[in-house]
PDB file of N, CA and C in Angstrom:
ATOM      1  N   UNK A   1      -9.511  -1.209  -1.105  1.00  0.00           N
ATOM      2  CA  UNK A   1     -10.627  -1.752  -0.166  1.00  0.00           C
ATOM      3  C   UNK A   1     -11.954  -1.192  -0.444  1.00  0.00           C
ATOM      4  N   UNK A   2     -12.121  -0.050  -0.732  1.00  0.00           N
ATOM      5  CA  UNK A   2     -13.264   0.580  -1.024  1.00  0.00           C
ATOM      6  C   UNK A   2     -13.891  -0.028  -2.372  1.00  0.00           C
ATOM      7  N   UNK A   3     -13.023  -0.233  -3.226  1.00  0.00           N
ATOM      8  CA  UNK A   3     -13.437  -0.957  -4.641  1.00  0.00           C
ATOM      9  C   UNK A   3     -14.042  -2.220  -4.325  1.00  0.00           C
ATOM     10  N   UNK A   4     -13.384  -3.075  -3.288  1.00  0.00           N
ATOM     11  CA  UNK A   4     -13.853  -4.351  -3.285  1.00  0.00           C
ATOM     12  C   UNK A   4     -15.174  -4.314  -2.357  1.00  0.00           C
ATOM     13  N   UNK A   5     -15.567  -3.220  -1.579  1.00  0.00           N
ATOM     14  CA  UNK A   5     -16.655  -3.138  -1.044  1.00  0.00           C
ATOM     15  C   UNK A   5     -17.814  -2.816  -2.102  1.00  0.00           C
ATOM     16  N   UNK A   6     -17.582  -1.857  -2.933  1.00  0.00           N
ATOM     17  CA  UNK A   6     -18.428  -1.465  -4.195  1.00  0.00           C
ATOM     18  C   UNK A   6     -18.602  -2.776  -4.924  1.00  0.00           C
ATOM     19  N   UNK A   7     -17.852  -3.490  -5.169  1.00  0.00           N
ATOM     20  CA  UNK A   7     -17.884  -4.604  -6.143  1.00  0.00           C
ATOM     21  C   UNK A   7     -18.914  -5.679  -5.369  1.00  0.00           C
ATOM     22  N   UNK A   8     -18.600  -5.815  -4.030  1.00  0.00           N
ATOM     23  CA  UNK A   8     -19.564  -6.797  -3.200  1.00  0.00           C
ATOM     24  C   UNK A   8     -20.935  -6.316  -3.238  1.00  0.00           C
ATOM     25  N   UNK A   9     -21.067  -5.022  -3.020  1.00  0.00           N
ATOM     26  CA  UNK A   9     -22.634  -4.463  -2.977  1.00  0.00           C
ATOM     27  C   UNK A   9     -23.204  -4.791  -4.386  1.00  0.00           C
ATOM     28  N   UNK A  10     -22.391  -4.513  -5.464  1.00  0.00           N
ATOM     29  CA  UNK A  10     -22.866  -4.602  -6.745  1.00  0.00           C
ATOM     30  C   UNK A  10     -23.298  -6.066  -6.945  1.00  0.00           C
ATOM     31  N   UNK A  11     -22.531  -7.029  -6.720  1.00  0.00           N
ATOM     32  CA  UNK A  11     -22.785  -8.537  -6.838  1.00  0.00           C
ATOM     33  C   UNK A  11     -23.980  -8.790  -6.106  1.00  0.00           C
ATOM     34  N   UNK A  12     -23.904  -8.274  -4.771  1.00  0.00           N
ATOM     35  CA  UNK A  12     -25.232  -8.552  -4.040  1.00  0.00           C
ATOM     36  C   UNK A  12     -26.609  -8.233  -4.688  1.00  0.00           C
ATOM     37  N   UNK A  13     -26.499  -7.011  -5.382  1.00  0.00           N
ATOM     38  CA  UNK A  13     -27.687  -6.232  -5.945  1.00  0.00           C
ATOM     39  C   UNK A  13     -28.021  -7.270  -7.165  1.00  0.00           C
ATOM     40  N   UNK A  14     -26.890  -7.659  -7.828  1.00  0.00           N
ATOM     41  CA  UNK A  14     -27.134  -8.435  -9.074  1.00  0.00           C
ATOM     42  C   UNK A  14     -27.629  -9.788  -8.671  1.00  0.00           C
ATOM     43  N   UNK A  15     -27.439 -10.416  -7.751  1.00  0.00           N
ATOM     44  CA  UNK A  15     -27.962 -11.726  -7.157  1.00  0.00           C
ATOM     45  C   UNK A  15     -29.395 -11.374  -6.634  1.00  0.00           C
ATOM     46  N   UNK A  16     -29.637 -10.275  -5.995  1.00  0.00           N
ATOM     47  CA  UNK A  16     -31.152 -10.028  -5.705  1.00  0.00           C
ATOM     48  C   UNK A  16     -32.018  -9.917  -6.927  1.00  0.00           C
ATOM     49  N   UNK A  17     -31.365  -9.035  -7.952  1.00  0.00           N
ATOM     50  CA  UNK A  17     -32.065  -8.924  -9.165  1.00  0.00           C
ATOM     51  C   UNK A  17     -32.480 -10.075  -9.952  1.00  0.00           C
ATOM     52  N   UNK A  18     -31.433 -10.966 -10.110  1.00  0.00           N
ATOM     53  CA  UNK A  18     -31.629 -12.226 -10.595  1.00  0.00           C
ATOM     54  C   UNK A  18     -32.844 -13.116  -9.889  1.00  0.00           C
ATOM     55  N   UNK A  19     -32.561 -13.107  -8.481  1.00  0.00           N
ATOM     56  CA  UNK A  19     -33.630 -13.754  -7.720  1.00  0.00           C
ATOM     57  C   UNK A  19     -35.080 -13.156  -7.909  1.00  0.00           C
ATOM     58  N   UNK A  20     -35.103 -11.937  -7.985  1.00  0.00           N
ATOM     59  CA  UNK A  20     -36.424 -11.161  -8.302  1.00  0.00           C
ATOM     60  C   UNK A  20     -36.985 -11.641  -9.622  1.00  0.00           C
ATOM     61  N   UNK A  21     -36.123 -11.746 -10.752  1.00  0.00           N
ATOM     62  CA  UNK A  21     -36.614 -12.032 -11.806  1.00  0.00           C
ATOM     63  C   UNK A  21     -37.080 -13.527 -12.080  1.00  0.00           C
ATOM     64  N   UNK A  22     -37.054 -14.308 -11.152  1.00  0.00           N
ATOM     65  CA  UNK A  22     -37.380 -15.712 -11.259  1.00  0.00           C
ATOM     66  C   UNK A  22     -38.870 -15.759 -11.202  1.00  0.00           C
ATOM     67  N   UNK A  23     -39.714 -16.735 -11.849  1.00  0.00           N
ATOM     68  CA  UNK A  23     -41.083 -16.682 -12.049  1.00  0.00           C
ATOM     69  C   UNK A  23     -41.875 -16.961 -10.735  1.00  0.00           C
ATOM     70  N   UNK A  24     -41.315 -17.685  -9.926  1.00  0.00           N
ATOM     71  CA  UNK A  24     -41.872 -17.905  -8.479  1.00  0.00           C
ATOM     72  C   UNK A  24     -41.364 -17.083  -7.364  1.00  0.00           C
ATOM     73  N   UNK A  25     -41.054 -15.773  -7.723  1.00  0.00           N
ATOM     74  CA  UNK A  25     -40.564 -15.008  -6.595  1.00  0.00           C
ATOM     75  C   UNK A  25     -41.396 -14.644  -5.635  1.00  0.00           C
ATOM     76  N   UNK A  26     -40.858 -14.562  -4.289  1.00  0.00           N
ATOM     77  CA  UNK A  26     -41.769 -14.210  -3.271  1.00  0.00           C
ATOM     78  C   UNK A  26     -40.699 -14.011  -2.149  1.00  0.00           C
ATOM     79  N   UNK A  27     -40.816 -12.985  -1.392  1.00  0.00           N
ATOM     80  CA  UNK A  27     -40.134 -12.670  -0.253  1.00  0.00           C
ATOM     81  C   UNK A  27     -40.078 -13.741   0.948  1.00  0.00           C
ATOM     82  N   UNK A  28     -41.009 -14.562   0.884  1.00  0.00           N
ATOM     83  CA  UNK A  28     -41.172 -15.635   1.972  1.00  0.00           C
ATOM     84  C   UNK A  28     -40.040 -16.633   1.597  1.00  0.00           C
ATOM     85  N   UNK A  29     -39.972 -17.051   0.352  1.00  0.00           N
ATOM     86  CA  UNK A  29     -39.014 -17.932  -0.274  1.00  0.00           C
ATOM     87  C   UNK A  29     -37.702 -17.537  -0.058  1.00  0.00           C
ATOM     88  N   UNK A  30     -37.399 -16.386  -0.068  1.00  0.00           N
ATOM     89  CA  UNK A  30     -36.100 -15.745   0.165  1.00  0.00           C
ATOM     90  C   UNK A  30     -35.487 -16.254   1.493  1.00  0.00           C
ATOM     91  N   UNK A  31     -36.168 -16.294   2.320  1.00  0.00           N
ATOM     92  CA  UNK A  31     -35.888 -17.038   3.762  1.00  0.00           C
ATOM     93  C   UNK A  31     -36.067 -18.351   4.164  1.00  0.00           C
ATOM     94  N   UNK A  32     -36.158 -19.114   2.966  1.00  0.00           N
ATOM     95  CA  UNK A  32     -36.016 -20.637   2.981  1.00  0.00           C
ATOM     96  C   UNK A  32     -34.637 -21.065   3.470  1.00  0.00           C
ATOM     97  N   UNK A  33     -34.538 -22.232   3.911  1.00  0.00           N
ATOM     98  CA  UNK A  33     -33.041 -22.651   4.217  1.00  0.00           C
ATOM     99  C   UNK A  33     -32.220 -22.765   3.114  1.00  0.00           C
ATOM    100  N   UNK A  34     -32.719 -23.207   1.946  1.00  0.00           N
ATOM    101  CA  UNK A  34     -31.818 -23.502   0.737  1.00  0.00           C
ATOM    102  C   UNK A  34     -31.498 -21.978   0.311  1.00  0.00           C
ATOM    103  N   UNK A  35     -32.221 -21.131   0.403  1.00  0.00           N
ATOM    104  CA  UNK A  35     -31.763 -19.840  -0.190  1.00  0.00           C
ATOM    105  C   UNK A  35     -30.872 -19.119   0.958  1.00  0.00           C
ATOM    106  N   UNK A  36     -31.190 -19.316   2.084  1.00  0.00           N
ATOM    107  CA  UNK A  36     -30.240 -18.721   3.197  1.00  0.00           C
ATOM    108  C   UNK A  36     -28.763 -19.373   3.012  1.00  0.00           C
ATOM    109  N   UNK A  37     -28.821 -20.715   2.709  1.00  0.00           N
ATOM    110  CA  UNK A  37     -27.474 -21.259   2.731  1.00  0.00           C
ATOM    111  C   UNK A  37     -26.682 -20.684   1.506  1.00  0.00           C
ATOM    112  N   UNK A  38     -27.371 -20.402   0.402  1.00  0.00           N
ATOM    113  CA  UNK A  38     -26.737 -19.835  -0.725  1.00  0.00           C
ATOM    114  C   UNK A  38     -26.398 -18.317  -0.452  1.00  0.00           C
ATOM    115  N   UNK A  39     -27.123 -17.768   0.221  1.00  0.00           N
ATOM    116  CA  UNK A  39     -26.682 -16.264   0.568  1.00  0.00           C
ATOM    117  C   UNK A  39     -25.505 -16.373   1.601  1.00  0.00           C
ATOM    118  N   UNK A  40     -25.480 -17.249   2.604  1.00  0.00           N
ATOM    119  CA  UNK A  40     -24.443 -17.291   3.611  1.00  0.00           C
ATOM    120  C   UNK A  40     -23.095 -17.634   2.950  1.00  0.00           C
ATOM    121  N   UNK A  41     -23.281 -18.765   1.868  1.00  0.00           N
ATOM    122  CA  UNK A  41     -22.087 -19.234   1.269  1.00  0.00           C
ATOM    123  C   UNK A  41     -21.451 -18.259   0.339  1.00  0.00           C
ATOM    124  N   UNK A  42     -22.276 -17.364  -0.345  1.00  0.00           N
ATOM    125  CA  UNK A  42     -21.733 -16.085  -1.039  1.00  0.00           C
ATOM    126  C   UNK A  42     -21.130 -15.282  -0.273  1.00  0.00           C
ATOM    127  N   UNK A  43     -21.555 -14.909   0.992  1.00  0.00           N
ATOM    128  CA  UNK A  43     -21.016 -13.962   2.025  1.00  0.00           C
ATOM    129  C   UNK A  43     -19.610 -14.570   2.386  1.00  0.00           C
ATOM    130  N   UNK A  44     -19.690 -15.765   2.850  1.00  0.00           N
ATOM    131  CA  UNK A  44     -18.325 -16.516   3.162  1.00  0.00           C
ATOM    132  C   UNK A  44     -17.275 -16.621   2.283  1.00  0.00           C
ATOM    133  N   UNK A  45     -17.677 -16.814   0.868  1.00  0.00           N
ATOM    134  CA  UNK A  45     -16.634 -16.914  -0.235  1.00  0.00           C
ATOM    135  C   UNK A  45     -16.090 -15.469  -0.240  1.00  0.00           C
ATOM    136  N   UNK A  46     -17.107 -14.403  -0.280  1.00  0.00           N
ATOM    137  CA  UNK A  46     -16.685 -12.993  -0.523  1.00  0.00           C
ATOM    138  C   UNK A  46     -15.735 -12.637   0.637  1.00  0.00           C
ATOM    139  N   UNK A  47     -15.836 -13.015   1.855  1.00  0.00           N
ATOM    140  CA  UNK A  47     -14.935 -12.528   3.139  1.00  0.00           C
ATOM    141  C   UNK A  47     -13.687 -13.222   2.931  1.00  0.00           C
ATOM    142  N   UNK A  48     -13.663 -14.517   2.334  1.00  0.00           N
ATOM    143  CA  UNK A  48     -12.467 -15.145   2.184  1.00  0.00           C
ATOM    144  C   UNK A  48     -11.694 -14.297   0.933  1.00  0.00           C
ATOM    145  N   UNK A  49     -12.194 -14.226   0.081  1.00  0.00           N
ATOM    146  CA  UNK A  49     -11.549 -13.555  -1.167  1.00  0.00           C
ATOM    147  C   UNK A  49     -11.136 -12.105  -0.704  1.00  0.00           C
ATOM    148  N   UNK A  50     -11.910 -11.401  -0.009  1.00  0.00           N
ATOM    149  CA  UNK A  50     -11.635 -10.038   0.375  1.00  0.00           C
ATOM    150  C   UNK A  50     -10.441 -10.130   1.417  1.00  0.00           C
ATOM    151  N   UNK A  51     -10.370 -11.081   2.303  1.00  0.00           N
ATOM    152  CA  UNK A  51      -9.350 -11.122   3.108  1.00  0.00           C
ATOM    153  C   UNK A  51      -7.901 -11.529   2.591  1.00  0.00           C
ATOM    154  N   UNK A  52      -8.022 -12.320   1.508  1.00  0.00           N
ATOM    155  CA  UNK A  52      -6.862 -12.689   0.978  1.00  0.00           C
ATOM    156  C   UNK A  52      -6.316 -11.432  -0.034  1.00  0.00           C
ATOM    157  N   UNK A  53      -7.216 -10.793  -0.526  1.00  0.00           N
ATOM    158  CA  UNK A  53      -6.836  -9.429  -1.337  1.00  0.00           C
ATOM    159  C   UNK A  53      -6.253  -8.398  -0.345  1.00  0.00           C
ATOM    160  N   UNK A  54      -7.078  -8.264   0.873  1.00  0.00           N
ATOM    161  CA  UNK A  54      -6.445  -7.359   1.827  1.00  0.00           C
ATOM    162  C   UNK A  54      -5.081  -7.630   2.328  1.00  0.00           C
ATOM    163  N   UNK A  55      -4.695  -9.009   2.594  1.00  0.00           N
ATOM    164  CA  UNK A  55      -3.731  -9.432   3.089  1.00  0.00           C
ATOM    165  C   UNK A  55      -2.566  -9.039   2.133  1.00  0.00           C
ATOM    166  N   UNK A  56      -2.771  -9.434   0.821  1.00  0.00           N
ATOM    167  CA  UNK A  56      -1.693  -9.049  -0.106  1.00  0.00           C
ATOM    168  C   UNK A  56      -1.500  -7.753  -0.409  1.00  0.00           C
ATOM    169  N   UNK A  57      -2.498  -7.020  -0.467  1.00  0.00           N
ATOM    170  CA  UNK A  57      -2.384  -5.473  -0.469  1.00  0.00           C
ATOM    171  C   UNK A  57      -1.730  -4.739   0.707  1.00  0.00           C
ATOM    172  N   UNK A  58      -1.871  -5.405   1.799  1.00  0.00           N
ATOM    173  CA  UNK A  58      -1.438  -4.658   2.815  1.00  0.00           C
ATOM    174  C   UNK A  58       0.288  -4.995   2.911  1.00  0.00           C
ATOM    175  N   UNK A  59       0.545  -6.292   2.414  1.00  0.00           N
ATOM    176  CA  UNK A  59       1.888  -6.697   2.342  1.00  0.00           C
ATOM    177  C   UNK A  59       2.704  -5.747   1.105  1.00  0.00           C
ATOM    178  N   UNK A  60       1.945  -5.478   0.252  1.00  0.00           N
ATOM    179  CA  UNK A  60       2.646  -4.655  -0.936  1.00  0.00           C
ATOM    180  C   UNK A  60       2.832  -3.324  -0.270  1.00  0.00           C
ATOM    181  N   UNK A  61       1.805  -2.715   0.340  1.00  0.00           N
ATOM    182  CA  UNK A  61       1.902  -1.442   1.021  1.00  0.00           C
ATOM    183  C   UNK A  61       3.068  -1.221   2.070  1.00  0.00           C
ATOM    184  N   UNK A  62       3.241  -2.319   2.820  1.00  0.00           N
ATOM    185  CA  UNK A  62       4.330  -2.353   3.678  1.00  0.00           C
ATOM    186  C   UNK A  62       5.753  -2.430   2.936  1.00  0.00           C
ATOM    187  N   UNK A  63       5.989  -3.058   1.943  1.00  0.00           N
ATOM    188  CA  UNK A  63       7.156  -3.281   1.145  1.00  0.00           C
ATOM    189  C   UNK A  63       7.272  -1.946   0.621  1.00  0.00           C
ATOM    190  N   UNK A  64       6.414  -1.270   0.088  1.00  0.00           N
ATOM    191  CA  UNK A  64       6.486   0.006  -0.362  1.00  0.00           C
ATOM    192  C   UNK A  64       6.990   1.121   0.563  1.00  0.00           C
ATOM    193  N   UNK A  65       6.516   1.034   1.732  1.00  0.00           N
ATOM    194  CA  UNK A  65       6.833   1.934   2.864  1.00  0.00           C
ATOM    195  C   UNK A  65       8.295   1.717   3.291  1.00  0.00           C
ATOM    196  N   UNK A  66       8.696   0.372   3.365  1.00  0.00           N
ATOM    197  CA  UNK A  66      10.050   0.060   3.722  1.00  0.00           C
ATOM    198  C   UNK A  66      11.063   0.685   2.608  1.00  0.00           C
ATOM    199  N   UNK A  67      10.481   0.431   1.262  1.00  0.00           N
ATOM    200  CA  UNK A  67      11.422   0.927   0.316  1.00  0.00           C
ATOM    201  C   UNK A  67      11.604   2.553   0.424  1.00  0.00           C
ATOM    202  N   UNK A  68      10.577   3.145   0.647  1.00  0.00           N
ATOM    203  CA  UNK A  68      10.532   4.626   0.892  1.00  0.00           C
ATOM    204  C   UNK A  68      11.558   5.151   2.064  1.00  0.00           C
ATOM    205  N   UNK A  69      11.374   4.351   3.118  1.00  0.00           N
ATOM    206  CA  UNK A  69      12.299   4.656   4.409  1.00  0.00           C
ATOM    207  C   UNK A  69      13.771   4.400   3.864  1.00  0.00           C
ATOM    208  N   UNK A  70      14.082   3.347   3.377  1.00  0.00           N
ATOM    209  CA  UNK A  70      15.587   3.019   2.959  1.00  0.00           C
ATOM    210  C   UNK A  70      15.870   4.261   1.979  1.00  0.00           C
ATOM    211  N   UNK A  71      15.180   4.586   1.053  1.00  0.00           N
ATOM    212  CA  UNK A  71      15.649   5.615  -0.008  1.00  0.00           C
ATOM    213  C   UNK A  71      15.829   7.044   0.810  1.00  0.00           C
ATOM    214  N   UNK A  72      15.006   7.189   1.773  1.00  0.00           N
ATOM    215  CA  UNK A  72      15.216   8.439   2.552  1.00  0.00           C
ATOM    216  C   UNK A  72      16.398   8.361   3.304  1.00  0.00           C
ATOM    217  N   UNK A  73      16.597   7.258   3.808  1.00  0.00           N
ATOM    218  CA  UNK A  73      17.910   7.054   4.672  1.00  0.00           C
ATOM    219  C   UNK A  73      19.147   7.107   3.721  1.00  0.00           C
ATOM    220  N   UNK A  74      18.917   6.636   2.560  1.00  0.00           N
ATOM    221  CA  UNK A  74      20.245   6.787   1.622  1.00  0.00           C
ATOM    222  C   UNK A  74      20.495   8.351   1.105  1.00  0.00           C
ATOM    223  N   UNK A  75      19.334   8.886   1.035  1.00  0.00           N
ATOM    224  CA  UNK A  75      19.359  10.350   0.503  1.00  0.00           C
ATOM    225  C   UNK A  75      20.169  11.143   1.817  1.00  0.00           C
ATOM    226  N   UNK A  76      19.777  10.862   2.977  1.00  0.00           N
ATOM    227  CA  UNK A  76      20.270  11.595   4.162  1.00  0.00           C
ATOM    228  C   UNK A  76      21.829  11.247   4.216  1.00  0.00           C
ATOM    229  N   UNK A  77      22.191   9.981   4.017  1.00  0.00           N
ATOM    230  CA  UNK A  77      23.520   9.516   4.094  1.00  0.00           C
ATOM    231  C   UNK A  77      24.309  10.173   2.909  1.00  0.00           C
ATOM    232  N   UNK A  78      23.784  10.265   1.923  1.00  0.00           N
ATOM    233  CA  UNK A  78      24.451  11.001   0.560  1.00  0.00           C
ATOM    234  C   UNK A  78      24.602  12.389   0.906  1.00  0.00           C
ATOM    235  N   UNK A  79      23.755  13.183   1.511  1.00  0.00           N
ATOM    236  CA  UNK A  79      23.930  14.520   2.021  1.00  0.00           C
ATOM    237  C   UNK A  79      24.826  14.778   3.026  1.00  0.00           C
ATOM    238  N   UNK A  80      25.046  13.779   3.977  1.00  0.00           N
ATOM    239  CA  UNK A  80      26.073  13.906   4.875  1.00  0.00           C
ATOM    240  C   UNK A  80      27.415  13.656   4.279  1.00  0.00           C
ATOM    241  N   UNK A  81      27.566  12.847   3.443  1.00  0.00           N
ATOM    242  CA  UNK A  81      28.725  12.566   2.811  1.00  0.00           C
ATOM    243  C   UNK A  81      29.383  13.682   1.882  1.00  0.00           C
ATOM    244  N   UNK A  82      28.225  14.204   1.240  1.00  0.00           N
ATOM    245  CA  UNK A  82      28.582  15.535   0.386  1.00  0.00           C
ATOM    246  C   UNK A  82      29.166  16.598   1.201  1.00  0.00           C
ATOM    247  N   UNK A  83      28.572  16.742   2.397  1.00  0.00           N
ATOM    248  CA  UNK A  83      28.930  17.934   3.262  1.00  0.00           C
ATOM    249  C   UNK A  83      30.116  17.596   3.860  1.00  0.00           C
ATOM    250  N   UNK A  84      30.517  16.448   4.201  1.00  0.00           N
ATOM    251  CA  UNK A  84      31.788  15.780   4.711  1.00  0.00           C
ATOM    252  C   UNK A  84      32.881  16.175   3.508  1.00  0.00           C
ATOM    253  N   UNK A  85      32.537  15.612   2.289  1.00  0.00           N
ATOM    254  CA  UNK A  85      33.536  15.973   1.296  1.00  0.00           C
ATOM    255  C   UNK A  85      33.658  17.586   0.957  1.00  0.00           C
ATOM    256  N   UNK A  86      32.757  18.240   1.060  1.00  0.00           N
ATOM    257  CA  UNK A  86      32.775  19.701   0.853  1.00  0.00           C
ATOM    258  C   UNK A  86      33.755  20.332   2.109  1.00  0.00           C
ATOM    259  N   UNK A  87      33.499  20.007   3.236  1.00  0.00           N
ATOM    260  CA  UNK A  87      34.269  20.423   4.302  1.00  0.00           C
ATOM    261  C   UNK A  87      35.801  19.878   4.100  1.00  0.00           C
ATOM    262  N   UNK A  88      36.109  18.906   3.728  1.00  0.00           N
ATOM    263  CA  UNK A  88      37.386  18.273   3.558  1.00  0.00           C
ATOM    264  C   UNK A  88      38.024  18.947   2.266  1.00  0.00           C
ATOM    265  N   UNK A  89      37.461  19.281   1.254  1.00  0.00           N
ATOM    266  CA  UNK A  89      37.862  20.076   0.112  1.00  0.00           C
ATOM    267  C   UNK A  89      38.183  21.478   0.565  1.00  0.00           C
ATOM    268  N   UNK A  90      37.334  22.103   1.585  1.00  0.00           N
ATOM    269  CA  UNK A  90      37.676  23.348   2.058  1.00  0.00           C
ATOM    270  C   UNK A  90      38.813  23.489   2.980  1.00  0.00           C
ATOM    271  N   UNK A  91      39.079  22.417   3.827  1.00  0.00           N
ATOM    272  CA  UNK A  91      40.289  22.416   4.688  1.00  0.00           C
ATOM    273  C   UNK A  91      41.454  22.208   3.828  1.00  0.00           C
ATOM    274  N   UNK A  92      41.442  21.476   2.837  1.00  0.00           N
ATOM    275  CA  UNK A  92      42.567  21.300   1.948  1.00  0.00           C
ATOM    276  C   UNK A  92      42.896  22.387   1.165  1.00  0.00           C
ATOM    277  N   UNK A  93      41.829  23.221   0.650  1.00  0.00           N
ATOM    278  CA  UNK A  93      42.134  24.499   0.028  1.00  0.00           C
ATOM    279  C   UNK A  93      42.805  25.567   0.905  1.00  0.00           C
ATOM    280  N   UNK A  94      42.408  25.505   2.238  1.00  0.00           N
ATOM    281  CA  UNK A  94      42.952  26.407   3.247  1.00  0.00           C
ATOM    282  C   UNK A  94      44.365  26.013   3.573  1.00  0.00           C
ATOM    283  N   UNK A  95      44.644  24.739   3.630  1.00  0.00           N
ATOM    284  CA  UNK A  95      45.936  24.151   3.783  1.00  0.00           C
ATOM    285  C   UNK A  95      46.883  24.486   2.593  1.00  0.00           C
ATOM    286  N   UNK A  96      46.325  24.184   1.438  1.00  0.00           N
ATOM    287  CA  UNK A  96      47.177  24.531   0.296  1.00  0.00           C
ATOM    288  C   UNK A  96      47.649  25.997   0.193  1.00  0.00           C
ATOM    289  N   UNK A  97      46.547  26.949   0.514  1.00  0.00           N
ATOM    290  CA  UNK A  97      46.900  28.266   0.556  1.00  0.00           C
ATOM    291  C   UNK A  97      48.029  28.735   1.514  1.00  0.00           C
ATOM    292  N   UNK A  98      47.760  28.125   2.747  1.00  0.00           N
ATOM    293  CA  UNK A  98      48.886  28.542   3.725  1.00  0.00           C
ATOM    294  C   UNK A  98      50.043  27.908   3.602  1.00  0.00           C
ATOM    295  N   UNK A  99      50.181  26.777   2.670  1.00  0.00           N
ATOM    296  CA  UNK A  99      51.574  26.370   2.558  1.00  0.00           C
ATOM    297  C   UNK A  99      52.075  27.016   1.332  1.00  0.00           C
ATOM    298  N   UNK A 100      51.397  27.712   0.309  1.00  0.00           N
ATOM    299  CA  UNK A 100      52.068  28.624  -0.655  1.00  0.00           C
ATOM    300  C   UNK A 100      52.582  29.935  -0.256  1.00  0.00           C
ATOM    301  N   UNK A 101      52.045  30.342   0.753  1.00  0.00           N
ATOM    302  CA  UNK A 101      52.329  31.680   1.229  1.00  0.00           C
ATOM    303  C   UNK A 101      52.898  31.576   2.602  1.00  0.00           C
ATOM    304  N   UNK A 102      53.989  31.025   2.862  1.00  0.00           N
ATOM    305  CA  UNK A 102      54.667  30.863   4.000  1.00  0.00           C
ATOM    306  C   UNK A 102      54.983  32.448   4.559  1.00  0.00           C
ATOM    307  N   UNK A 103      54.820  32.712   5.842  1.00  0.00           N
ATOM    308  CA  UNK A 103      55.340  33.905   6.558  1.00  0.00           C
ATOM    309  C   UNK A 103      56.746  33.855   6.775  1.00  0.00           C
ATOM    310  N   UNK A 104      57.280  35.020   6.610  1.00  0.00           N
ATOM    311  CA  UNK A 104      58.605  35.276   7.017  1.00  0.00           C
ATOM    312  C   UNK A 104      58.808  35.747   8.254  1.00  0.00           C
ATOM    313  N   UNK A 105      59.770  35.285   9.033  1.00  0.00           N
ATOM    314  CA  UNK A 105      59.811  35.853  10.399  1.00  0.00           C
ATOM    315  C   UNK A 105      61.117  36.719  10.515  1.00  0.00           C
TER     316      UNK A 105
END
């Protein structure tokens, strides 16, 4: 979004520079209705494009965040399963050891 703001300011400066380079330049003509309509139309188009780009980038960010959450959840589940498998293996090893060495009464 910062890049869009920078580009908007840059284009606004370029437009003012081009207007300043006109042979009949004057600050009074800058505020004539036709020029004001052009300025407002440019601002409106910029806001529309900025809104669309912002909406798309926010959607992308939300999807990436969802993927990160799912990956974190899967890693947590994997760790839990590994712990359970290690515990089960330990219990089976203890059981096998006790079966191999029966006590005499």
